[in-house]
């Protein structure tokens, strides 16, 4: 029987997806990890008991298991070939033999190019104090370009034909330069000059050569899903950043609910499926945007080496576990078969959780409606959380009573620090 486990982050990202997928790969003997959304901005940390660490970005987080799971990047992913090469090199240093032999990329995956990264970063600089929290990797611009220009967008399938790719890249370069004109007016000249310097002399032919030769000489580019028995579908970011369900405009340009995961389940031909919602025992946010239960003391107490300060997102912020946000996240992503709660080892004296706001619940819109989301953003920004004391058992009990049973508990960074309390699979027609 072919099985699939869908993992969905229920926060603003950083819910422990990497560690959870690593654990599930080992615990279930999974032989395939499917990245079903997002792009190279993902940072899924896996730490091994011997202290080795890797931040997974485009490879599946089951790659460090004793029998490494294959990786399949689905058609809704956005790829960055040079970054994938750097990731493969680090995996090889950690002992993964020939990482690229494990990877298959769907030919429709969009490609984040140097010019799209430039435009992404310039837009964010131009926003000044009103930044959206972008990672600056060009992922959103890749999707925006595809929405406007369709087949002119660069895809993984183009990376086998450097000459045709160069023509697409030159067209994209010209369009980006035009789009950059009004944006540049709002940027500080010194900062903009630094951005432009990175790509200023790069020709389309050189960019095509770099993209084609960096990684994709060895990677399989195919719509065919690799043979498997058990697949883990690895989400990216979190539902509260979803392009249509997150708190606009502090969102990503990707659908990061389980929508694309269910599309992949059809491709996989899975006969049984388990949908898991992931959360920490507290909330975090890396980047601009509201975090109602934010606590400066908690942030200082819980530094995260896997999420260091960066110029685009600043410092990771921490807040008390927010059940209002979690209920909203479940409401927009669909029914769950279980909850995974990570970082329970951080729940100590003085810990709290929020079960309600003085302003009431967050109501999902009937359809993807950005005006509705903007009103929700205002509601969240003005929210006054009602906090109550909580220990580890209180956190687990609260999660299980309002959403779905807690089926995996994490008390540390490695797979040995996790407990599988029993997954439930839905039977599906093959």
Protein backbone atom coordinates (compact mmCIF):
# COMPACT_ATOMS: atom_id res chain seq x y z
CA UNK A 1 0.00 0.00 0.00
CA UNK A 2 1.36 3.41 -0.98
CA UNK A 3 1.17 5.85 1.92
CA UNK A 4 1.61 9.63 2.11
CA UNK A 5 2.03 11.92 5.09
CA UNK A 6 1.26 15.60 4.43
CA UNK A 7 3.03 18.06 6.73
CA UNK A 8 1.67 21.61 7.01
CA UNK A 9 3.17 24.42 9.08
CA UNK A 10 0.43 26.08 11.13
CA UNK A 11 2.36 29.25 11.98
CA UNK A 12 4.55 31.82 10.26
CA UNK A 13 7.15 29.17 9.39
CA UNK A 14 9.87 27.70 11.63
CA UNK A 15 7.50 25.14 13.18
CA UNK A 16 10.06 22.31 13.05
CA UNK A 17 9.30 20.93 9.59
CA UNK A 18 12.86 19.75 8.96
CA UNK A 19 13.22 17.86 12.21
CA UNK A 20 9.73 16.38 11.83
CA UNK A 21 10.31 15.16 8.26
CA UNK A 22 13.67 13.68 9.30
CA UNK A 23 11.94 11.83 12.16
CA UNK A 24 9.05 10.60 10.00
CA UNK A 25 11.43 9.37 7.30
CA UNK A 26 13.24 7.23 9.85
CA UNK A 27 10.18 6.17 11.86
CA UNK A 28 8.06 5.16 8.85
CA UNK A 29 10.88 3.98 6.59
CA UNK A 30 9.85 6.60 4.00
CA UNK A 31 11.64 6.40 0.66
CA UNK A 32 10.49 9.69 -0.91
CA UNK A 33 10.17 13.29 0.29
CA UNK A 34 8.07 15.60 -1.89
CA UNK A 35 8.55 19.35 -1.66
CA UNK A 36 5.12 20.56 -2.73
CA UNK A 37 5.41 24.34 -2.40
CA UNK A 38 7.78 27.21 -1.66
CA UNK A 39 11.30 27.74 -2.87
CA UNK A 40 14.91 28.21 -1.88
CA UNK A 41 13.93 30.58 0.94
CA UNK A 42 12.93 27.55 3.00
CA UNK A 43 15.25 26.78 5.91
CA UNK A 44 14.41 23.42 7.46
CA UNK A 45 16.97 22.52 10.11
CA UNK A 46 17.98 18.94 10.88
CA UNK A 47 20.43 18.10 13.64
CA UNK A 48 21.86 14.62 14.11
CA UNK A 49 22.68 13.11 17.51
CA UNK A 50 26.41 13.43 16.74
CA UNK A 51 26.05 17.20 16.35
CA UNK A 52 26.11 17.46 12.55
CA UNK A 53 23.57 19.93 11.17
CA UNK A 54 22.12 20.86 7.82
CA UNK A 55 19.58 23.49 6.78
CA UNK A 56 17.46 21.96 4.04
CA UNK A 57 16.34 24.38 1.37
CA UNK A 58 15.62 22.44 -1.81
CA UNK A 59 16.48 18.86 -0.92
CA UNK A 60 13.96 16.94 1.16
CA UNK A 61 14.69 16.83 4.90
CA UNK A 62 14.78 13.00 4.81
CA UNK A 63 18.16 13.01 3.03
CA UNK A 64 20.22 12.39 6.19
CA UNK A 65 18.35 9.24 7.21
CA UNK A 66 20.40 5.98 7.19
CA UNK A 67 18.61 5.05 3.96
CA UNK A 68 18.29 8.53 2.39
CA UNK A 69 14.88 9.29 0.98
CA UNK A 70 14.74 10.51 -2.61
CA UNK A 71 13.64 14.12 -3.20
CA UNK A 72 10.94 15.19 -5.67
CA UNK A 73 10.37 18.90 -6.26
CA UNK A 74 6.77 19.28 -7.42
CA UNK A 75 5.55 21.70 -10.12
CA UNK A 76 4.51 24.40 -7.63
CA UNK A 77 8.07 24.81 -6.30
CA UNK A 78 10.48 27.61 -7.25
CA UNK A 79 14.10 26.56 -7.64
CA UNK A 80 17.49 28.27 -7.41
CA UNK A 81 20.04 26.00 -9.16
CA UNK A 82 23.26 27.61 -7.84
CA UNK A 83 21.87 27.45 -4.29
CA UNK A 84 20.95 23.80 -4.87
CA UNK A 85 24.55 23.11 -5.86
CA UNK A 86 25.81 24.69 -2.64
CA UNK A 87 23.35 22.62 -0.63
CA UNK A 88 24.44 19.42 -2.39
CA UNK A 89 28.08 20.16 -1.58
CA UNK A 90 27.28 20.51 2.12
CA UNK A 91 25.26 17.29 2.11
CA UNK A 92 28.24 15.53 0.50
CA UNK A 93 30.48 16.90 3.26
CA UNK A 94 28.08 15.35 5.78
CA UNK A 95 28.47 11.94 4.12
CA UNK A 96 25.57 11.82 1.63
CA UNK A 97 26.90 10.02 -1.41
CA UNK A 98 26.18 11.89 -4.67
CA UNK A 99 23.17 13.94 -3.42
CA UNK A 100 22.02 14.83 -6.95
CA UNK A 101 21.28 11.19 -7.75
CA UNK A 102 18.53 11.42 -5.12
CA UNK A 103 16.78 14.42 -6.70
CA UNK A 104 14.09 14.76 -9.37
CA UNK A 105 12.71 18.15 -10.41
CA UNK A 106 9.43 18.69 -12.24
CA UNK A 107 10.06 20.55 -15.52
CA UNK A 108 7.40 23.17 -14.66
CA UNK A 109 9.23 24.39 -11.54
CA UNK A 110 9.87 28.12 -11.88
CA UNK A 111 13.44 29.41 -11.59
CA UNK A 112 14.48 32.35 -9.41
CA UNK A 113 17.06 34.27 -11.47
CA UNK A 114 19.59 36.98 -10.49
CA UNK A 115 17.37 39.72 -11.96
CA UNK A 116 14.29 38.56 -10.08
CA UNK A 117 16.29 38.58 -6.84
CA UNK A 118 17.43 42.12 -7.63
CA UNK A 119 13.85 43.31 -8.19
CA UNK A 120 12.64 41.51 -5.04
CA UNK A 121 15.27 43.15 -2.86
CA UNK A 122 14.82 46.58 -4.41
CA UNK A 123 11.07 46.46 -3.77
CA UNK A 124 11.68 45.55 -0.14
CA UNK A 125 14.23 48.33 0.30
CA UNK A 126 11.81 50.82 -1.24
CA UNK A 127 9.21 49.96 1.41
CA UNK A 128 11.45 51.37 4.13
CA UNK A 129 9.87 50.86 7.55
CA UNK A 130 6.82 49.22 5.91
CA UNK A 131 8.68 46.10 4.77
CA UNK A 132 6.67 42.95 4.11
CA UNK A 133 9.26 40.57 5.58
CA UNK A 134 10.59 39.13 2.32
CA UNK A 135 13.52 36.69 2.38
CA UNK A 136 14.96 38.45 -0.67
CA UNK A 137 15.40 35.27 -2.74
CA UNK A 138 13.26 36.27 -5.72
CA UNK A 139 10.69 33.53 -5.16
CA UNK A 140 7.69 35.86 -5.17
CA UNK A 141 9.00 37.74 -8.20
CA UNK A 142 9.35 34.43 -10.07
CA UNK A 143 5.68 33.69 -9.51
CA UNK A 144 4.66 37.27 -10.29
CA UNK A 145 6.59 37.14 -13.58
CA UNK A 146 4.93 33.83 -14.51
CA UNK A 147 1.46 35.22 -13.75
CA UNK A 148 2.08 38.17 -16.06
CA UNK A 149 4.11 36.59 -18.85
CA UNK A 150 3.21 32.90 -18.83
CA UNK A 151 5.54 30.82 -21.00
CA UNK A 152 8.18 33.55 -21.03
CA UNK A 153 8.96 32.55 -17.43
CA UNK A 154 12.07 30.43 -16.92
CA UNK A 155 11.33 26.87 -15.79
CA UNK A 156 13.45 23.85 -14.90
CA UNK A 157 12.68 22.37 -18.30
CA UNK A 158 14.52 25.32 -19.91
CA UNK A 159 17.75 24.42 -18.13
CA UNK A 160 18.57 21.74 -20.69
CA UNK A 161 18.74 24.29 -23.53
CA UNK A 162 21.22 27.12 -22.75
CA UNK A 163 20.71 29.05 -26.00
CA UNK A 164 16.91 29.19 -25.73
CA UNK A 165 17.29 29.94 -22.01
CA UNK A 166 19.58 32.91 -22.76
CA UNK A 167 16.87 34.46 -24.96
CA UNK A 168 14.31 34.13 -22.15
CA UNK A 169 16.75 35.62 -19.66
CA UNK A 170 17.55 38.61 -21.84
CA UNK A 171 13.84 39.35 -22.25
CA UNK A 172 13.44 39.05 -18.49
CA UNK A 173 16.43 41.34 -17.87
CA UNK A 174 14.95 44.06 -20.06
CA UNK A 175 11.56 43.82 -18.36
CA UNK A 176 13.09 43.90 -14.88
CA UNK A 177 15.12 47.01 -15.72
CA UNK A 178 11.90 48.78 -16.75
CA UNK A 179 10.10 47.66 -13.58
CA UNK A 180 13.04 48.80 -11.50
CA UNK A 181 12.76 52.44 -12.61
CA UNK A 182 9.94 53.62 -10.28
CA UNK A 183 11.13 51.33 -7.48
CA UNK A 184 14.67 52.76 -7.61
CA UNK A 185 13.38 56.26 -6.85
CA UNK A 186 12.36 55.13 -3.37
CA UNK A 187 15.62 53.30 -2.56
CA UNK A 188 18.64 54.74 -0.80
CA UNK A 189 21.28 55.16 -3.55
CA UNK A 190 24.07 53.37 -1.66
CA UNK A 191 21.92 50.34 -0.88
CA UNK A 192 20.62 50.16 -4.44
CA UNK A 193 24.13 50.45 -5.83
CA UNK A 194 25.17 47.40 -3.78
CA UNK A 195 22.25 45.37 -5.14
CA UNK A 196 22.91 46.31 -8.76
CA UNK A 197 26.63 45.60 -8.43
CA UNK A 198 25.85 41.91 -7.89
CA UNK A 199 24.30 41.53 -11.35
CA UNK A 200 25.36 44.67 -13.17
CA UNK A 201 27.79 43.07 -15.63
CA UNK A 202 26.09 39.69 -15.85
CA UNK A 203 25.02 38.83 -19.38
CA UNK A 204 22.06 36.62 -20.20
CA UNK A 205 24.41 34.08 -21.77
CA UNK A 206 26.56 33.93 -18.63
CA UNK A 207 23.47 33.60 -16.44
CA UNK A 208 22.16 30.80 -18.66
CA UNK A 209 25.49 28.99 -18.41
CA UNK A 210 25.56 29.33 -14.62
CA UNK A 211 21.99 28.09 -14.22
CA UNK A 212 22.47 25.13 -16.55
CA UNK A 213 25.85 24.01 -15.28
CA UNK A 214 25.45 24.70 -11.57
CA UNK A 215 23.29 21.74 -10.72
CA UNK A 216 21.12 20.45 -13.46
CA UNK A 217 23.64 18.43 -15.42
CA UNK A 218 23.15 15.71 -12.79
CA UNK A 219 19.56 16.25 -11.63
CA UNK A 220 16.70 14.34 -13.24
CA UNK A 221 14.16 16.78 -14.71
CA UNK A 222 10.96 14.81 -15.14
CA UNK A 223 7.24 14.95 -14.48
CA UNK A 224 7.37 11.28 -13.45
CA UNK A 225 7.31 10.67 -9.70
CA UNK A 226 10.08 8.32 -8.52
CA UNK A 227 8.91 4.84 -7.44
CA UNK A 228 8.15 4.71 -3.72
CA UNK A 229 6.12 3.08 -0.98
CA UNK A 230 5.90 5.82 1.65
CA UNK A 231 6.13 9.52 0.82
CA UNK A 232 6.47 12.48 3.18
CA UNK A 233 5.09 15.70 1.68
CA UNK A 234 7.19 18.52 3.10
CA UNK A 235 5.53 21.91 3.29
CA UNK A 236 7.30 25.27 3.21
CA UNK A 237 6.82 28.33 5.40
CA UNK A 238 3.48 28.35 7.24
CA UNK A 239 -0.23 28.75 6.58
CA UNK A 240 -0.25 32.19 8.22
CA UNK A 241 2.04 33.42 5.41
CA UNK A 242 -0.11 31.98 2.61
CA UNK A 243 -0.59 34.34 -0.35
CA UNK A 244 -4.38 34.36 -0.01
CA UNK A 245 -4.94 33.17 3.57
CA UNK A 246 -2.15 34.95 5.41
CA UNK A 247 -2.32 38.44 6.88
CA UNK A 248 -1.96 40.60 3.79
CA UNK A 249 0.42 42.21 2.87
CA UNK A 250 2.84 40.40 5.20
CA UNK A 251 2.68 37.20 3.20
CA UNK A 252 4.54 35.05 0.69
CA UNK A 253 3.73 34.76 -3.03
CA UNK A 254 2.98 31.05 -2.68
CA UNK A 255 0.09 28.80 -1.73
CA UNK A 256 1.42 27.11 1.39
CA UNK A 257 -1.76 25.48 2.68
CA UNK A 258 -2.22 21.78 1.86
CA UNK A 259 -3.72 22.64 -1.55
CA UNK A 260 -0.70 21.59 -3.65
CA UNK A 261 -0.04 18.65 -1.33
CA UNK A 262 -3.41 17.14 -2.22
CA UNK A 263 -2.60 17.66 -5.91
CA UNK A 264 0.61 15.72 -5.34
CA UNK A 265 -1.26 12.94 -3.52
CA UNK A 266 -3.18 12.37 -6.75
CA UNK A 267 0.08 12.23 -8.73
CA UNK A 268 1.57 9.82 -6.20
CA UNK A 269 -1.39 7.47 -6.35
CA UNK A 270 -1.39 7.28 -2.55
CA UNK A 271 -3.87 4.80 -1.10
CA UNK A 272 -3.67 6.09 2.48
CA UNK A 273 -2.97 9.63 3.69
CA UNK A 274 -2.25 11.27 7.05
CA UNK A 275 -2.36 15.08 7.35
CA UNK A 276 -0.26 16.56 10.14
CA UNK A 277 -0.31 20.18 11.33
CA UNK A 278 2.99 21.37 12.81
CA UNK A 279 3.56 23.94 15.53
CA UNK A 280 6.09 24.84 18.14
CA UNK A 281 5.02 24.97 21.78
CA UNK A 282 5.22 28.75 21.30
CA UNK A 283 4.85 31.04 18.30
CA UNK A 284 7.65 32.58 16.25
CA UNK A 285 7.91 35.02 13.38
CA UNK A 286 10.98 35.82 11.27
CA UNK A 287 10.25 39.00 9.35
CA UNK A 288 7.83 41.90 9.46
CA UNK A 289 4.17 41.50 10.35
CA UNK A 290 1.93 41.02 13.38
CA UNK A 291 2.67 38.56 16.18
CA UNK A 292 -0.04 39.20 18.82
CA UNK A 293 1.57 37.30 21.71
CA UNK A 294 5.09 38.61 21.10
CA UNK A 295 7.22 38.66 24.24
CA UNK A 296 10.61 40.39 24.33
CA UNK A 297 11.56 38.31 27.39
CA UNK A 298 10.67 35.05 25.66
CA UNK A 299 12.59 36.10 22.55
CA UNK A 300 15.69 36.82 24.65
CA UNK A 301 15.32 33.53 26.52
CA UNK A 302 14.94 31.34 23.40
CA UNK A 303 17.62 32.22 20.83
CA UNK A 304 17.46 29.97 17.76
CA UNK A 305 20.85 29.22 16.11
CA UNK A 306 19.04 27.86 13.06
CA UNK A 307 17.36 31.23 12.45
CA UNK A 308 20.03 33.93 12.86
CA UNK A 309 19.55 37.63 12.23
CA UNK A 310 19.63 38.62 8.58
CA UNK A 311 19.36 41.93 6.78
CA UNK A 312 16.00 41.11 5.18
CA UNK A 313 14.06 39.64 8.10
CA UNK A 314 15.91 40.86 11.17
CA UNK A 315 15.75 38.78 14.36
CA UNK A 316 13.42 35.85 14.99
CA UNK A 317 10.66 36.97 17.36
CA UNK A 318 8.99 34.66 19.88
CA UNK A 319 5.51 34.81 21.40
CA UNK A 320 3.35 32.67 23.63
CA UNK A 321 1.45 29.80 22.00
CA UNK A 322 -1.57 31.38 20.28
CA UNK A 323 -4.53 29.02 19.91
CA UNK A 324 -6.54 31.71 18.11
CA UNK A 325 -3.99 31.77 15.28
CA UNK A 326 -3.79 27.97 15.27
CA UNK A 327 -7.56 27.55 15.02
CA UNK A 328 -7.56 29.98 12.10
CA UNK A 329 -4.71 28.09 10.41
CA UNK A 330 -6.57 24.78 10.69
CA UNK A 331 -9.73 26.46 9.42
CA UNK A 332 -8.07 27.54 6.17
CA UNK A 333 -5.98 24.43 5.50
CA UNK A 334 -8.62 21.79 6.18
CA UNK A 335 -9.14 18.86 8.58
CA UNK A 336 -6.06 17.35 10.24
CA UNK A 337 -5.37 13.80 11.36
CA UNK A 338 -2.93 14.90 14.00
CA UNK A 339 -0.83 17.68 15.52
CA UNK A 340 2.96 17.69 15.84
CA UNK A 341 4.18 19.92 18.66
CA UNK A 342 7.91 20.69 18.75
CA UNK A 343 10.17 22.45 21.27
CA UNK A 344 8.25 21.21 24.32
CA UNK A 345 11.59 21.19 26.15
CA UNK A 346 11.47 25.00 26.09
CA UNK A 347 8.24 25.16 28.09
CA UNK A 348 9.32 26.16 31.59
CA UNK A 349 8.41 28.24 34.60
CA UNK A 350 6.30 31.28 33.75
CA UNK A 351 5.24 29.90 30.38
CA UNK A 352 1.84 31.00 29.04
CA UNK A 353 -0.64 30.34 26.26
CA UNK A 354 -3.38 32.36 24.63
CA UNK A 355 -6.81 30.80 24.10
CA UNK A 356 -8.70 33.96 23.11
CA UNK A 357 -8.45 37.62 22.11
CA UNK A 358 -10.52 40.36 23.64
CA UNK A 359 -11.44 41.23 20.03
CA UNK A 360 -12.85 37.78 19.23
CA UNK A 361 -11.97 34.94 16.83
CA UNK A 362 -10.44 35.24 13.35
CA UNK A 363 -13.01 34.24 10.73
CA UNK A 364 -11.73 32.82 7.41
CA UNK A 365 -13.12 34.33 4.23
CA UNK A 366 -15.50 32.34 2.04
CA UNK A 367 -13.06 32.56 -0.87
CA UNK A 368 -9.53 33.97 -1.42
CA UNK A 369 -10.18 37.66 -0.72
CA UNK A 370 -7.24 40.04 -0.12
CA UNK A 371 -9.49 42.83 1.14
CA UNK A 372 -10.83 40.44 3.78
CA UNK A 373 -7.27 39.44 4.67
CA UNK A 374 -6.25 43.09 5.09
CA UNK A 375 -9.11 43.52 7.57
CA UNK A 376 -7.94 40.41 9.43
CA UNK A 377 -4.45 41.91 9.53
CA UNK A 378 -5.84 45.01 11.23
CA UNK A 379 -7.72 42.79 13.69
CA UNK A 380 -4.59 40.81 14.51
CA UNK A 381 -2.49 43.96 14.89
CA UNK A 382 -5.01 45.34 17.39
CA UNK A 383 -5.59 42.03 19.20
CA UNK A 384 -5.28 41.87 22.99
CA UNK A 385 -4.43 38.25 23.88
CA UNK A 386 -5.87 36.67 27.02
CA UNK A 387 -2.97 34.71 28.56
CA UNK A 388 -3.05 31.83 31.06
CA UNK A 389 -0.18 29.90 32.72
CA UNK A 390 0.77 26.62 31.01
CA UNK A 391 3.18 23.72 31.37
CA UNK A 392 4.08 21.06 28.76
CA UNK A 393 1.04 18.91 29.57
CA UNK A 394 -1.24 21.96 29.39
CA UNK A 395 0.11 22.76 25.91
CA UNK A 396 -0.49 19.22 24.66
CA UNK A 397 -3.96 19.08 26.24
CA UNK A 398 -4.97 22.46 24.82
CA UNK A 399 -3.84 21.57 21.30
CA UNK A 400 -5.57 18.20 21.38
CA UNK A 401 -8.83 19.56 22.71
CA UNK A 402 -9.40 22.23 20.06
CA UNK A 403 -7.90 20.91 16.80
CA UNK A 404 -6.74 17.30 16.52
CA UNK A 405 -4.94 14.77 18.73
CA UNK A 406 -1.25 15.41 19.36
CA UNK A 407 0.45 12.47 17.65
CA UNK A 408 4.12 13.50 17.75
CA UNK A 409 5.84 15.34 20.57
CA UNK A 410 9.28 16.88 20.24
CA UNK A 411 11.49 17.59 23.26
CA UNK A 412 14.75 18.47 21.51
CA UNK A 413 16.48 18.97 18.16
CA UNK A 414 17.15 15.41 16.97
CA UNK A 415 15.02 12.45 15.87
CA UNK A 416 15.80 10.75 19.19
CA UNK A 417 13.98 13.58 20.98
CA UNK A 418 10.63 12.78 19.35
CA UNK A 419 7.79 10.42 20.25
CA UNK A 420 5.29 8.95 17.81
CA UNK A 421 2.05 8.47 19.72
CA UNK A 422 0.33 6.83 16.74
CA UNK A 423 -0.56 8.20 13.30
CA UNK A 424 -3.97 7.66 11.73
CA UNK A 425 -4.19 7.23 7.94
CA UNK A 426 -7.26 7.94 5.80
CA UNK A 427 -7.88 5.23 3.24
CA UNK A 428 -8.16 6.46 -0.35
CA UNK A 429 -9.02 4.84 -3.63
CA UNK A 430 -5.81 3.96 -5.50
